[in-house]
Amino acid sequence: MKVIFEFTDEDQQDLIIFQQAPNMYSALFDIQEEFRKWVKYNERNFTGDQLDAMDKFSERFHEILQENKVHIE
């Protein structure tokens, strides 16, 4: 499949976002994985309250992704 995207001079910001999309996806994936490891393995010896807060943040993070129809796998 071949897809061609065209941007005009007025679309400069859209072009920048388009170009950064793979890096943004990668960063979101890495953030998701980091939180999962922190909560699952607790190698950094977080307290129970800290783990609960991270778990709640992780849940909200996934809700935001879902609300924006972003699927990270």
Protein backbone atom coordinates (compact mmCIF):
# COMPACT_ATOMS: atom_id res chain seq x y z
CA MET A 1 0.00 0.00 0.00
CA LYS A 2 1.24 3.45 -0.84
CA VAL A 3 0.02 6.50 1.06
CA ILE A 4 0.98 10.05 0.18
CA PHE A 5 0.51 12.92 2.59
CA GLU A 6 0.73 16.45 1.28
CA PHE A 7 1.28 19.53 3.42
CA THR A 8 1.11 23.17 2.39
CA ASP A 9 3.18 25.97 3.88
CA GLU A 10 0.21 26.77 6.13
CA ASP A 11 0.30 23.19 7.48
CA GLN A 12 3.80 23.52 8.97
CA GLN A 13 2.65 22.60 12.50
CA ASP A 14 0.72 19.58 11.19
CA LEU A 15 3.84 18.45 9.33
CA ILE A 16 5.93 18.67 12.49
CA ILE A 17 3.37 16.62 14.43
CA PHE A 18 3.22 14.08 11.59
CA GLN A 19 7.00 13.74 11.57
CA GLN A 20 7.15 13.31 15.34
CA ALA A 21 4.33 10.75 15.54
CA PRO A 22 6.60 7.65 15.57
CA ASN A 23 8.72 9.13 18.37
CA MET A 24 5.61 10.12 20.32
CA TYR A 25 4.25 6.58 19.99
CA SER A 26 7.55 5.16 21.18
CA ALA A 27 7.68 7.55 24.16
CA LEU A 28 4.11 6.69 25.21
CA PHE A 29 4.90 2.99 24.94
CA ASP A 30 8.04 3.43 27.06
CA ILE A 31 6.12 5.41 29.71
CA GLN A 32 3.47 2.70 29.86
CA GLU A 33 6.07 -0.03 30.24
CA GLU A 34 8.02 1.88 32.89
CA PHE A 35 4.94 2.34 35.08
CA ARG A 36 3.99 -1.31 34.60
CA LYS A 37 7.45 -2.44 35.75
CA TRP A 38 7.52 -0.03 38.68
CA VAL A 39 4.20 -1.26 39.99
CA LYS A 40 4.66 -4.95 39.15
CA TYR A 41 8.23 -5.49 40.37
CA ASN A 42 8.77 -2.53 42.75
CA GLU A 43 12.54 -2.69 42.23
CA ARG A 44 12.83 0.87 43.52
CA ASN A 45 11.18 -0.02 46.83
CA PHE A 46 8.26 2.38 46.58
CA THR A 47 5.92 2.61 49.53
CA GLY A 48 2.40 1.23 49.30
CA ASP A 49 1.00 4.75 48.95
CA GLN A 50 3.44 5.54 46.15
CA LEU A 51 2.52 2.34 44.33
CA ASP A 52 -1.18 3.14 44.70
CA ALA A 53 -0.61 6.61 43.27
CA MET A 54 1.35 5.21 40.33
CA ASP A 55 -1.33 2.63 39.70
CA LYS A 56 -4.01 5.36 39.67
CA PHE A 57 -1.90 7.50 37.35
CA SER A 58 -1.39 4.52 35.05
CA GLU A 59 -5.14 3.91 34.94
CA ARG A 60 -5.81 7.54 34.06
CA PHE A 61 -3.03 7.46 31.47
CA HIS A 62 -4.75 4.53 29.75
CA GLU A 63 -8.14 6.25 29.97
CA ILE A 64 -6.71 9.31 28.22
CA LEU A 65 -5.19 7.14 25.51
CA GLN A 66 -8.52 5.38 25.05
CA GLU A 67 -10.46 8.67 24.94
CA ASN A 68 -8.14 9.80 22.14
CA LYS A 69 -8.39 6.45 20.32
CA VAL A 70 -4.67 5.77 20.77
CA HIS A 71 -3.79 2.06 20.99
CA ILE A 72 -0.32 1.16 22.22
CA GLU A 73 0.67 -2.46 21.81
